[in-house]
Amino acid sequence: DGRLKMGTEKLMDAFQRGINRLSLIGEIMAEIAVCVLAVVVITGVMLTYVFKSRDVFSVEVSTYLLVFICFSSVAYVLRENRHVVVDALLTFLSPKVRLRLELIAMILTIGFCSILAWKAAEVTLLNYQRGFRSASLVTLPLWIPYLVIALGAFGVVLQGIVRIRELAGGVKSVSSPEGEEAHKGGLIENDRP
């Protein structure tokens, strides 16, 4: 029984490291896309206002880049626990209650993002099978942005599982009197500043 538990722990640790790496890769790709977006916008502005040329690509390319930036980085933002939180009432609750509420919120997030990933995957497949393209000069296959949405939502699901594991450990540690005292200032080690 002890060896099985150790093996499961090692497997979960490896899973957590893998998901964290994937989230970091998504974040790095989003940072690169932000740089590309800046170049596209500056080029569009220069073409339009300096050279008085018609820019037909920058708005659509910028839209696709924004979708990519948002959905490729969202799992990393969850990993770093930096999503927007309104904590006006949470500050009055005990650390134990806050941890439990965050655990419930994470379960709801996983549920929502699971449905989003599933539906986005269905739309991706439909667009791929029917060969739909954007109705512009770019004519990007529409399955590509939908795939980004599906993968981003699935990344949140995986990172959410990792976060639940972290929170479950925090709930256990806060349940003890020593843990309650040690965590009075906030959540677990990944607390917001």
N, C-alpha and C. Protein backbone atom coordinates (compact mmCIF):
# COMPACT_ATOMS: atom_id res chain seq x y z
N ASP A 1 0.82 -1.19 0.00
CA ASP A 1 0.00 0.00 0.00
C ASP A 1 0.87 1.26 0.00
N GLY A 2 1.94 1.26 0.78
CA GLY A 2 2.85 2.41 0.85
C GLY A 2 3.58 2.63 -0.46
N ARG A 3 4.00 1.53 -1.11
CA ARG A 3 4.72 1.66 -2.38
C ARG A 3 3.79 2.16 -3.48
N LEU A 4 2.54 1.71 -3.44
CA LEU A 4 1.56 2.17 -4.43
C LEU A 4 1.32 3.67 -4.27
N LYS A 5 1.21 4.13 -3.02
CA LYS A 5 1.00 5.54 -2.76
C LYS A 5 2.20 6.37 -3.23
N MET A 6 3.42 5.87 -2.99
CA MET A 6 4.62 6.57 -3.44
C MET A 6 4.68 6.63 -4.96
N GLY A 7 4.30 5.52 -5.60
CA GLY A 7 4.29 5.48 -7.06
C GLY A 7 3.28 6.46 -7.64
N THR A 8 2.12 6.53 -7.00
CA THR A 8 1.09 7.47 -7.44
C THR A 8 1.55 8.91 -7.25
N GLU A 9 2.20 9.18 -6.12
CA GLU A 9 2.74 10.52 -5.86
C GLU A 9 3.76 10.92 -6.92
N LYS A 10 4.66 9.99 -7.25
CA LYS A 10 5.68 10.27 -8.27
C LYS A 10 5.02 10.54 -9.62
N LEU A 11 4.00 9.76 -9.95
CA LEU A 11 3.28 9.95 -11.21
C LEU A 11 2.60 11.31 -11.23
N MET A 12 1.95 11.68 -10.14
CA MET A 12 1.29 12.98 -10.06
C MET A 12 2.29 14.13 -10.12
N ASP A 13 3.45 13.95 -9.48
CA ASP A 13 4.51 14.98 -9.54
C ASP A 13 4.99 15.15 -10.98
N ALA A 14 5.18 14.04 -11.69
CA ALA A 14 5.62 14.11 -13.09
C ALA A 14 4.54 14.77 -13.95
N PHE A 15 3.27 14.44 -13.70
CA PHE A 15 2.15 15.05 -14.40
C PHE A 15 2.16 16.56 -14.17
N GLN A 16 2.34 16.95 -12.91
CA GLN A 16 2.34 18.37 -12.56
C GLN A 16 3.49 19.11 -13.24
N ARG A 17 4.68 18.52 -13.23
CA ARG A 17 5.82 19.15 -13.91
C ARG A 17 5.56 19.28 -15.41
N GLY A 18 4.99 18.25 -16.01
CA GLY A 18 4.70 18.29 -17.45
C GLY A 18 3.68 19.37 -17.79
N ILE A 19 2.62 19.47 -17.02
CA ILE A 19 1.59 20.48 -17.26
C ILE A 19 2.18 21.87 -17.06
N ASN A 20 2.98 22.04 -16.02
CA ASN A 20 3.62 23.35 -15.78
C ASN A 20 4.53 23.74 -16.94
N ARG A 21 5.24 22.77 -17.50
CA ARG A 21 6.10 23.05 -18.66
C ARG A 21 5.27 23.45 -19.88
N LEU A 22 4.19 22.72 -20.11
CA LEU A 22 3.31 23.07 -21.24
C LEU A 22 2.74 24.48 -21.08
N SER A 23 2.36 24.82 -19.85
CA SER A 23 1.84 26.17 -19.59
C SER A 23 2.90 27.22 -19.87
N LEU A 24 4.13 26.94 -19.48
CA LEU A 24 5.23 27.87 -19.73
C LEU A 24 5.49 28.02 -21.23
N ILE A 25 5.44 26.92 -21.96
CA ILE A 25 5.61 26.98 -23.42
C ILE A 25 4.52 27.85 -24.04
N GLY A 26 3.28 27.67 -23.58
CA GLY A 26 2.18 28.50 -24.07
C GLY A 26 2.41 29.97 -23.79
N GLU A 27 2.93 30.27 -22.61
CA GLU A 27 3.22 31.66 -22.25
C GLU A 27 4.32 32.25 -23.14
N ILE A 28 5.37 31.49 -23.38
CA ILE A 28 6.46 31.97 -24.24
C ILE A 28 5.94 32.22 -25.66
N MET A 29 5.10 31.31 -26.16
CA MET A 29 4.51 31.51 -27.49
C MET A 29 3.63 32.77 -27.51
N ALA A 30 2.91 33.02 -26.42
CA ALA A 30 2.07 34.22 -26.34
C ALA A 30 2.93 35.48 -26.34
N GLU A 31 4.06 35.44 -25.65
CA GLU A 31 4.96 36.60 -25.63
C GLU A 31 5.52 36.89 -27.02
N ILE A 32 5.87 35.84 -27.74
CA ILE A 32 6.34 36.02 -29.12
C ILE A 32 5.22 36.61 -29.98
N ALA A 33 3.99 36.10 -29.78
CA ALA A 33 2.85 36.61 -30.55
C ALA A 33 2.57 38.08 -30.23
N VAL A 34 2.81 38.50 -29.00
CA VAL A 34 2.63 39.92 -28.65
C VAL A 34 3.61 40.78 -29.46
N CYS A 35 4.84 40.31 -29.59
CA CYS A 35 5.83 41.04 -30.40
C CYS A 35 5.41 41.10 -31.86
N VAL A 36 4.92 39.98 -32.38
CA VAL A 36 4.43 39.95 -33.77
C VAL A 36 3.24 40.89 -33.92
N LEU A 37 2.35 40.89 -32.93
CA LEU A 37 1.18 41.78 -32.96
C LEU A 37 1.62 43.25 -33.01
N ALA A 38 2.62 43.60 -32.22
CA ALA A 38 3.12 44.98 -32.23
C ALA A 38 3.64 45.36 -33.61
N VAL A 39 4.38 44.45 -34.24
CA VAL A 39 4.90 44.72 -35.58
C VAL A 39 3.75 44.86 -36.59
N VAL A 40 2.75 44.00 -36.49
CA VAL A 40 1.61 44.05 -37.41
C VAL A 40 0.86 45.38 -37.26
N VAL A 41 0.61 45.79 -36.01
CA VAL A 41 -0.13 47.03 -35.78
C VAL A 41 0.68 48.24 -36.26
N ILE A 42 1.96 48.28 -35.93
CA ILE A 42 2.80 49.40 -36.37
C ILE A 42 2.87 49.45 -37.89
N THR A 43 3.01 48.29 -38.51
CA THR A 43 3.05 48.24 -39.98
C THR A 43 1.73 48.73 -40.57
N GLY A 44 0.62 48.31 -39.98
CA GLY A 44 -0.69 48.75 -40.45
C GLY A 44 -0.87 50.26 -40.34
N VAL A 45 -0.43 50.81 -39.22
CA VAL A 45 -0.53 52.26 -39.02
C VAL A 45 0.36 53.00 -40.01
N MET A 46 1.57 52.51 -40.19
CA MET A 46 2.50 53.15 -41.13
C MET A 46 1.95 53.11 -42.57
N LEU A 47 1.45 51.96 -42.97
CA LEU A 47 0.90 51.84 -44.32
C LEU A 47 -0.28 52.78 -44.53
N THR A 48 -1.15 52.86 -43.53
CA THR A 48 -2.36 53.66 -43.67
C THR A 48 -2.08 55.16 -43.60
N TYR A 49 -1.34 55.59 -42.59
CA TYR A 49 -1.23 57.03 -42.34
C TYR A 49 0.04 57.67 -42.90
N VAL A 50 1.09 56.92 -43.08
CA VAL A 50 2.33 57.50 -43.60
C VAL A 50 2.38 57.34 -45.12
N PHE A 51 2.13 56.12 -45.58
CA PHE A 51 2.25 55.85 -47.02
C PHE A 51 0.92 55.94 -47.76
N LYS A 52 -0.16 56.27 -47.02
CA LYS A 52 -1.50 56.42 -47.61
C LYS A 52 -1.89 55.21 -48.45
N SER A 53 -1.47 54.05 -48.00
CA SER A 53 -1.78 52.80 -48.69
C SER A 53 -2.89 52.09 -47.93
N ARG A 54 -3.64 51.30 -48.64
CA ARG A 54 -4.74 50.56 -48.00
C ARG A 54 -4.18 49.30 -47.34
N ASP A 55 -4.45 49.17 -46.04
CA ASP A 55 -4.00 48.00 -45.29
C ASP A 55 -5.18 47.04 -45.11
N VAL A 56 -5.11 45.89 -45.74
CA VAL A 56 -6.23 44.95 -45.69
C VAL A 56 -5.97 43.77 -44.75
N PHE A 57 -4.77 43.65 -44.26
CA PHE A 57 -4.42 42.46 -43.49
C PHE A 57 -4.33 42.68 -41.98
N SER A 58 -3.90 43.85 -41.54
CA SER A 58 -3.52 44.01 -40.14
C SER A 58 -4.67 43.79 -39.15
N VAL A 59 -5.87 44.23 -39.48
CA VAL A 59 -6.98 44.06 -38.54
C VAL A 59 -7.30 42.59 -38.33
N GLU A 60 -7.40 41.83 -39.41
CA GLU A 60 -7.72 40.41 -39.27
C GLU A 60 -6.59 39.63 -38.62
N VAL A 61 -5.37 39.89 -39.03
CA VAL A 61 -4.22 39.20 -38.43
C VAL A 61 -4.13 39.54 -36.94
N SER A 62 -4.39 40.80 -36.59
CA SER A 62 -4.37 41.21 -35.19
C SER A 62 -5.43 40.47 -34.38
N THR A 63 -6.60 40.29 -34.97
CA THR A 63 -7.67 39.56 -34.28
C THR A 63 -7.26 38.12 -33.99
N TYR A 64 -6.69 37.46 -34.97
CA TYR A 64 -6.25 36.08 -34.77
C TYR A 64 -5.11 36.01 -33.75
N LEU A 65 -4.22 36.98 -33.80
CA LEU A 65 -3.12 37.01 -32.83
C LEU A 65 -3.63 37.23 -31.41
N LEU A 66 -4.65 38.09 -31.26
CA LEU A 66 -5.22 38.30 -29.92
C LEU A 66 -5.85 37.03 -29.37
N VAL A 67 -6.57 36.31 -30.21
CA VAL A 67 -7.14 35.02 -29.78
C VAL A 67 -6.02 34.08 -29.35
N PHE A 68 -4.96 34.02 -30.14
CA PHE A 68 -3.83 33.16 -29.82
C PHE A 68 -3.18 33.57 -28.50
N ILE A 69 -2.95 34.86 -28.33
CA ILE A 69 -2.31 35.36 -27.11
C ILE A 69 -3.15 35.00 -25.88
N CYS A 70 -4.44 35.25 -25.96
CA CYS A 70 -5.31 34.98 -24.80
C CYS A 70 -5.35 33.50 -24.45
N PHE A 71 -5.58 32.66 -25.43
CA PHE A 71 -5.79 31.25 -25.13
C PHE A 71 -4.50 30.45 -24.94
N SER A 72 -3.40 30.92 -25.47
CA SER A 72 -2.15 30.18 -25.24
C SER A 72 -1.53 30.53 -23.90
N SER A 73 -1.90 31.66 -23.32
CA SER A 73 -1.30 32.07 -22.05
C SER A 73 -2.19 31.84 -20.84
N VAL A 74 -3.45 31.49 -21.05
CA VAL A 74 -4.40 31.43 -19.93
C VAL A 74 -4.03 30.35 -18.91
N ALA A 75 -3.50 29.23 -19.34
CA ALA A 75 -3.11 28.17 -18.39
C ALA A 75 -1.93 28.64 -17.53
N TYR A 76 -1.01 29.38 -18.13
CA TYR A 76 0.13 29.90 -17.37
C TYR A 76 -0.33 30.91 -16.32
N VAL A 77 -1.30 31.74 -16.69
CA VAL A 77 -1.84 32.71 -15.74
C VAL A 77 -2.47 31.98 -14.56
N LEU A 78 -3.16 30.89 -14.82
CA LEU A 78 -3.72 30.07 -13.75
C LEU A 78 -2.61 29.45 -12.92
N ARG A 79 -1.58 28.95 -13.57
CA ARG A 79 -0.44 28.35 -12.85
C ARG A 79 0.16 29.35 -11.86
N GLU A 80 0.28 30.60 -12.29
CA GLU A 80 0.86 31.64 -11.44
C GLU A 80 -0.17 32.26 -10.49
N ASN A 81 -1.42 31.79 -10.57
CA ASN A 81 -2.51 32.27 -9.71
C ASN A 81 -2.69 33.78 -9.85
N ARG A 82 -2.75 34.27 -11.09
CA ARG A 82 -2.82 35.69 -11.36
C ARG A 82 -4.08 36.12 -12.10
N HIS A 83 -5.12 35.31 -12.07
CA HIS A 83 -6.38 35.73 -12.66
C HIS A 83 -7.00 36.82 -11.80
N VAL A 84 -7.86 37.61 -12.39
CA VAL A 84 -8.52 38.69 -11.66
C VAL A 84 -9.40 38.09 -10.57
N VAL A 85 -9.24 38.61 -9.35
CA VAL A 85 -10.02 38.13 -8.22
C VAL A 85 -10.56 39.33 -7.45
N VAL A 86 -11.84 39.33 -7.17
CA VAL A 86 -12.43 40.34 -6.30
C VAL A 86 -12.46 39.72 -4.91
N ASP A 87 -11.59 40.22 -4.05
CA ASP A 87 -11.44 39.58 -2.74
C ASP A 87 -11.91 40.45 -1.58
N ALA A 88 -12.83 41.38 -1.85
CA ALA A 88 -13.31 42.28 -0.79
C ALA A 88 -13.91 41.49 0.38
N LEU A 89 -14.68 40.47 0.09
CA LEU A 89 -15.28 39.67 1.16
C LEU A 89 -14.35 38.55 1.62
N LEU A 90 -13.51 38.07 0.73
CA LEU A 90 -12.62 36.96 1.07
C LEU A 90 -11.65 37.31 2.18
N THR A 91 -11.27 38.58 2.28
CA THR A 91 -10.29 38.97 3.30
C THR A 91 -10.84 38.81 4.71
N PHE A 92 -12.16 38.76 4.86
CA PHE A 92 -12.76 38.60 6.18
C PHE A 92 -12.94 37.13 6.57
N LEU A 93 -12.67 36.22 5.66
CA LEU A 93 -12.85 34.80 5.93
C LEU A 93 -11.55 34.19 6.44
N SER A 94 -11.69 33.07 7.12
CA SER A 94 -10.50 32.37 7.61
C SER A 94 -9.76 31.75 6.42
N PRO A 95 -8.46 31.51 6.57
CA PRO A 95 -7.71 30.87 5.48
C PRO A 95 -8.31 29.53 5.05
N LYS A 96 -8.82 28.79 6.01
CA LYS A 96 -9.41 27.48 5.70
C LYS A 96 -10.62 27.64 4.78
N VAL A 97 -11.48 28.60 5.09
CA VAL A 97 -12.67 28.84 4.28
C VAL A 97 -12.28 29.38 2.90
N ARG A 98 -11.30 30.27 2.86
CA ARG A 98 -10.83 30.80 1.56
C ARG A 98 -10.29 29.69 0.67
N LEU A 99 -9.52 28.79 1.27
CA LEU A 99 -8.99 27.67 0.48
C LEU A 99 -10.11 26.80 -0.06
N ARG A 100 -11.09 26.55 0.76
CA ARG A 100 -12.21 25.72 0.30
C ARG A 100 -13.01 26.42 -0.80
N LEU A 101 -13.21 27.72 -0.66
CA LEU A 101 -13.90 28.46 -1.72
C LEU A 101 -13.10 28.46 -3.01
N GLU A 102 -11.78 28.60 -2.90
CA GLU A 102 -10.95 28.55 -4.11
C GLU A 102 -11.00 27.16 -4.74
N LEU A 103 -11.07 26.14 -3.91
CA LEU A 103 -11.19 24.78 -4.42
C LEU A 103 -12.50 24.61 -5.20
N ILE A 104 -13.58 25.13 -4.65
CA ILE A 104 -14.88 25.07 -5.33
C ILE A 104 -14.83 25.86 -6.65
N ALA A 105 -14.23 27.05 -6.61
CA ALA A 105 -14.10 27.86 -7.82
C ALA A 105 -13.28 27.14 -8.88
N MET A 106 -12.24 26.43 -8.45
CA MET A 106 -11.40 25.71 -9.40
C MET A 106 -12.17 24.55 -10.03
N ILE A 107 -12.98 23.87 -9.25
CA ILE A 107 -13.80 22.78 -9.79
C ILE A 107 -14.78 23.33 -10.83
N LEU A 108 -15.40 24.48 -10.52
CA LEU A 108 -16.32 25.10 -11.49
C LEU A 108 -15.58 25.55 -12.74
N THR A 109 -14.37 26.08 -12.57
CA THR A 109 -13.56 26.50 -13.71
C THR A 109 -13.23 25.31 -14.61
N ILE A 110 -12.85 24.21 -13.99
CA ILE A 110 -12.54 23.00 -14.77
C ILE A 110 -13.78 22.53 -15.53
N GLY A 111 -14.93 22.57 -14.87
CA GLY A 111 -16.17 22.18 -15.55
C GLY A 111 -16.48 23.06 -16.74
N PHE A 112 -16.39 24.38 -16.55
CA PHE A 112 -16.67 25.31 -17.65
C PHE A 112 -15.67 25.13 -18.79
N CYS A 113 -14.39 25.06 -18.46
CA CYS A 113 -13.37 24.95 -19.51
C CYS A 113 -13.41 23.60 -20.20
N SER A 114 -13.88 22.57 -19.51
CA SER A 114 -14.05 21.26 -20.16
C SER A 114 -15.11 21.36 -21.26
N ILE A 115 -16.22 22.02 -20.92
CA ILE A 115 -17.29 22.19 -21.91
C ILE A 115 -16.80 23.08 -23.06
N LEU A 116 -16.09 24.16 -22.73
CA LEU A 116 -15.56 25.04 -23.76
C LEU A 116 -14.60 24.30 -24.69
N ALA A 117 -13.70 23.50 -24.12
CA ALA A 117 -12.74 22.74 -24.93
C ALA A 117 -13.47 21.74 -25.83
N TRP A 118 -14.46 21.07 -25.28
CA TRP A 118 -15.23 20.07 -26.03
C TRP A 118 -15.97 20.73 -27.20
N LYS A 119 -16.69 21.82 -26.92
CA LYS A 119 -17.46 22.49 -27.98
C LYS A 119 -16.53 23.13 -29.01
N ALA A 120 -15.42 23.71 -28.55
CA ALA A 120 -14.46 24.30 -29.50
C ALA A 120 -13.84 23.21 -30.37
N ALA A 121 -13.61 22.03 -29.80
CA ALA A 121 -13.07 20.92 -30.59
C ALA A 121 -14.09 20.47 -31.64
N GLU A 122 -15.37 20.46 -31.27
CA GLU A 122 -16.41 20.11 -32.25
C GLU A 122 -16.44 21.11 -33.40
N VAL A 123 -16.38 22.40 -33.06
CA VAL A 123 -16.41 23.45 -34.09
C VAL A 123 -15.13 23.38 -34.94
N THR A 124 -14.01 23.08 -34.30
CA THR A 124 -12.75 22.92 -35.04
C THR A 124 -12.88 21.82 -36.08
N LEU A 125 -13.39 20.68 -35.65
CA LEU A 125 -13.54 19.54 -36.55
C LEU A 125 -14.51 19.86 -37.69
N LEU A 126 -15.61 20.51 -37.37
CA LEU A 126 -16.58 20.90 -38.40
C LEU A 126 -15.94 21.83 -39.44
N ASN A 127 -15.21 22.83 -38.96
CA ASN A 127 -14.55 23.77 -39.88
C ASN A 127 -13.47 23.09 -40.71
N TYR A 128 -12.79 22.14 -40.12
CA TYR A 128 -11.75 21.40 -40.84
C TYR A 128 -12.38 20.53 -41.93
N GLN A 129 -13.43 19.78 -41.55
CA GLN A 129 -14.08 18.87 -42.50
C GLN A 129 -14.71 19.61 -43.67
N ARG A 130 -15.29 20.76 -43.41
CA ARG A 130 -15.98 21.51 -44.46
C ARG A 130 -15.07 22.51 -45.17
N GLY A 131 -13.85 22.65 -44.69
CA GLY A 131 -12.90 23.54 -45.34
C GLY A 131 -13.24 25.02 -45.26
N PHE A 132 -13.92 25.43 -44.18
CA PHE A 132 -14.29 26.83 -44.04
C PHE A 132 -13.05 27.71 -43.88
N ARG A 133 -13.12 28.87 -44.55
CA ARG A 133 -12.03 29.85 -44.47
C ARG A 133 -12.64 31.21 -44.13
N SER A 134 -11.80 32.10 -43.64
CA SER A 134 -12.29 33.45 -43.34
C SER A 134 -12.66 34.15 -44.65
N ALA A 135 -13.69 34.97 -44.58
CA ALA A 135 -14.19 35.66 -45.78
C ALA A 135 -13.45 36.98 -45.97
N SER A 136 -12.16 36.89 -46.19
CA SER A 136 -11.34 38.10 -46.40
C SER A 136 -10.18 37.73 -47.30
N LEU A 137 -9.28 38.67 -47.50
CA LEU A 137 -8.12 38.40 -48.34
C LEU A 137 -7.14 37.43 -47.68
N VAL A 138 -7.17 37.36 -46.36
CA VAL A 138 -6.25 36.45 -45.65
C VAL A 138 -6.66 35.00 -45.89
N THR A 139 -7.94 34.72 -45.95
CA THR A 139 -8.52 33.38 -46.14
C THR A 139 -7.85 32.31 -45.28
N LEU A 140 -7.72 32.62 -44.00
CA LEU A 140 -7.16 31.66 -43.05
C LEU A 140 -8.16 30.53 -42.83
N PRO A 141 -7.72 29.28 -42.83
CA PRO A 141 -8.64 28.19 -42.47
C PRO A 141 -9.17 28.42 -41.05
N LEU A 142 -10.47 28.44 -40.89
CA LEU A 142 -11.06 28.79 -39.60
C LEU A 142 -10.85 27.75 -38.51
N TRP A 143 -10.44 26.54 -38.90
CA TRP A 143 -10.21 25.54 -37.86
C TRP A 143 -9.00 25.91 -37.00
N ILE A 144 -8.11 26.72 -37.51
CA ILE A 144 -6.89 27.07 -36.76
C ILE A 144 -7.22 27.91 -35.51
N PRO A 145 -7.97 29.04 -35.62
CA PRO A 145 -8.28 29.77 -34.39
C PRO A 145 -9.16 28.97 -33.43
N TYR A 146 -10.06 28.16 -33.97
CA TYR A 146 -10.89 27.34 -33.08
C TYR A 146 -10.05 26.28 -32.36
N LEU A 147 -9.05 25.76 -33.02
CA LEU A 147 -8.15 24.81 -32.38
C LEU A 147 -7.38 25.47 -31.24
N VAL A 148 -6.98 26.71 -31.44
CA VAL A 148 -6.28 27.46 -30.39
C VAL A 148 -7.19 27.60 -29.17
N ILE A 149 -8.46 27.90 -29.39
CA ILE A 149 -9.41 28.02 -28.28
C ILE A 149 -9.56 26.69 -27.57
N ALA A 150 -9.72 25.61 -28.32
CA ALA A 150 -9.88 24.28 -27.72
C ALA A 150 -8.66 23.90 -26.90
N LEU A 151 -7.47 24.11 -27.45
CA LEU A 151 -6.24 23.75 -26.74
C LEU A 151 -6.03 24.63 -25.51
N GLY A 152 -6.35 25.91 -25.62
CA GLY A 152 -6.22 26.81 -24.47
C GLY A 152 -7.14 26.41 -23.34
N ALA A 153 -8.39 26.09 -23.67
CA ALA A 153 -9.34 25.67 -22.64
C ALA A 153 -8.92 24.34 -22.02
N PHE A 154 -8.42 23.43 -22.84
CA PHE A 154 -7.94 22.15 -22.32
C PHE A 154 -6.72 22.36 -21.42
N GLY A 155 -5.87 23.32 -21.77
CA GLY A 155 -4.73 23.65 -20.92
C GLY A 155 -5.17 24.14 -19.55
N VAL A 156 -6.26 24.92 -19.51
CA VAL A 156 -6.79 25.38 -18.22
C VAL A 156 -7.32 24.20 -17.42
N VAL A 157 -7.97 23.25 -18.09
CA VAL A 157 -8.45 22.06 -17.39
C VAL A 157 -7.29 21.32 -16.74
N LEU A 158 -6.23 21.09 -17.50
CA LEU A 158 -5.07 20.37 -16.95
C LEU A 158 -4.40 21.17 -15.83
N GLN A 159 -4.22 22.47 -16.04
CA GLN A 159 -3.60 23.29 -15.00
C GLN A 159 -4.52 23.38 -13.79
N GLY A 160 -5.82 23.35 -14.01
CA GLY A 160 -6.78 23.34 -12.90
C GLY A 160 -6.66 22.09 -12.05
N ILE A 161 -6.41 20.96 -12.68
CA ILE A 161 -6.21 19.71 -11.93
C ILE A 161 -4.97 19.85 -11.05
N VAL A 162 -3.92 20.43 -11.61
CA VAL A 162 -2.70 20.66 -10.82
C VAL A 162 -3.01 21.60 -9.66
N ARG A 163 -3.77 22.65 -9.93
CA ARG A 163 -4.10 23.63 -8.88
C ARG A 163 -4.95 22.98 -7.78
N ILE A 164 -5.88 22.12 -8.16
CA ILE A 164 -6.69 21.43 -7.14
C ILE A 164 -5.80 20.58 -6.25
N ARG A 165 -4.83 19.93 -6.84
CA ARG A 165 -3.89 19.12 -6.05
C ARG A 165 -3.15 20.01 -5.05
N GLU A 166 -2.71 21.18 -5.50
CA GLU A 166 -2.03 22.11 -4.60
C GLU A 166 -2.97 22.59 -3.51
N LEU A 167 -4.20 22.94 -3.90
CA LEU A 167 -5.17 23.44 -2.92
C LEU A 167 -5.55 22.37 -1.92
N ALA A 168 -5.71 21.14 -2.38
CA ALA A 168 -6.07 20.05 -1.47
C ALA A 168 -4.99 19.88 -0.41
N GLY A 169 -3.73 20.01 -0.80
CA GLY A 169 -2.64 19.98 0.17
C GLY A 169 -2.72 21.15 1.13
N GLY A 170 -3.13 22.32 0.62
CA GLY A 170 -3.28 23.50 1.47
C GLY A 170 -4.42 23.37 2.45
N VAL A 171 -5.53 22.75 2.02
CA VAL A 171 -6.66 22.55 2.92
C VAL A 171 -6.25 21.65 4.07
N LYS A 172 -5.50 20.59 3.76
CA LYS A 172 -5.05 19.68 4.81
C LYS A 172 -4.13 20.39 5.79
N SER A 173 -3.20 21.20 5.26
CA SER A 173 -2.24 21.85 6.16
C SER A 173 -2.91 22.94 6.98
N VAL A 174 -3.90 23.64 6.42
CA VAL A 174 -4.56 24.70 7.16
C VAL A 174 -5.51 24.13 8.21
N SER A 175 -5.93 22.89 8.04
CA SER A 175 -6.85 22.27 8.99
C SER A 175 -6.23 22.09 10.37
N SER A 176 -4.93 21.99 10.43
CA SER A 176 -4.27 21.83 11.73
C SER A 176 -4.12 23.20 12.39
N PRO A 177 -4.08 23.26 13.73
CA PRO A 177 -3.93 24.55 14.42
C PRO A 177 -2.66 25.29 14.01
N GLU A 178 -1.55 24.56 13.81
CA GLU A 178 -0.31 25.21 13.39
C GLU A 178 -0.46 25.79 11.99
N GLY A 179 -1.11 25.04 11.12
CA GLY A 179 -1.30 25.49 9.75
C GLY A 179 -2.20 26.72 9.69
N GLU A 180 -3.22 26.75 10.54
CA GLU A 180 -4.12 27.91 10.61
C GLU A 180 -3.33 29.16 10.96
N GLU A 181 -2.45 29.04 11.95
CA GLU A 181 -1.63 30.18 12.37
C GLU A 181 -0.65 30.59 11.27
N ALA A 182 -0.05 29.61 10.62
CA ALA A 182 0.96 29.89 9.59
C ALA A 182 0.35 30.52 8.34
N HIS A 183 -0.93 30.26 8.09
CA HIS A 183 -1.57 30.74 6.87
C HIS A 183 -2.50 31.93 7.10
N LYS A 184 -2.41 32.57 8.26
CA LYS A 184 -3.33 33.68 8.57
C LYS A 184 -3.26 34.79 7.54
N GLY A 185 -2.09 35.04 7.00
CA GLY A 185 -1.91 36.14 6.07
C GLY A 185 -2.44 35.88 4.68
N GLY A 186 -2.79 34.68 4.34
CA GLY A 186 -3.25 34.44 2.98
C GLY A 186 -3.47 32.99 2.70
N LEU A 187 -3.43 32.65 1.42
CA LEU A 187 -3.65 31.27 1.01
C LEU A 187 -2.37 30.49 1.19
N ILE A 188 -2.11 29.54 0.34
CA ILE A 188 -0.89 28.75 0.45
C ILE A 188 0.27 29.53 -0.13
N GLU A 189 1.40 28.87 -0.36
CA GLU A 189 2.65 29.54 -0.75
C GLU A 189 2.53 30.39 -2.00
N ASN A 190 1.53 30.17 -2.81
CA ASN A 190 1.38 30.88 -4.08
C ASN A 190 0.40 32.05 -3.94
N ASP A 191 0.39 32.68 -2.79
CA ASP A 191 -0.58 33.73 -2.49
C ASP A 191 -0.32 34.98 -3.32
N ARG A 192 -1.36 35.74 -3.50
CA ARG A 192 -1.24 37.01 -4.21
C ARG A 192 -0.55 38.02 -3.31
N PRO A 193 0.21 38.96 -3.91
CA PRO A 193 0.87 39.99 -3.09
C PRO A 193 -0.12 40.98 -2.52
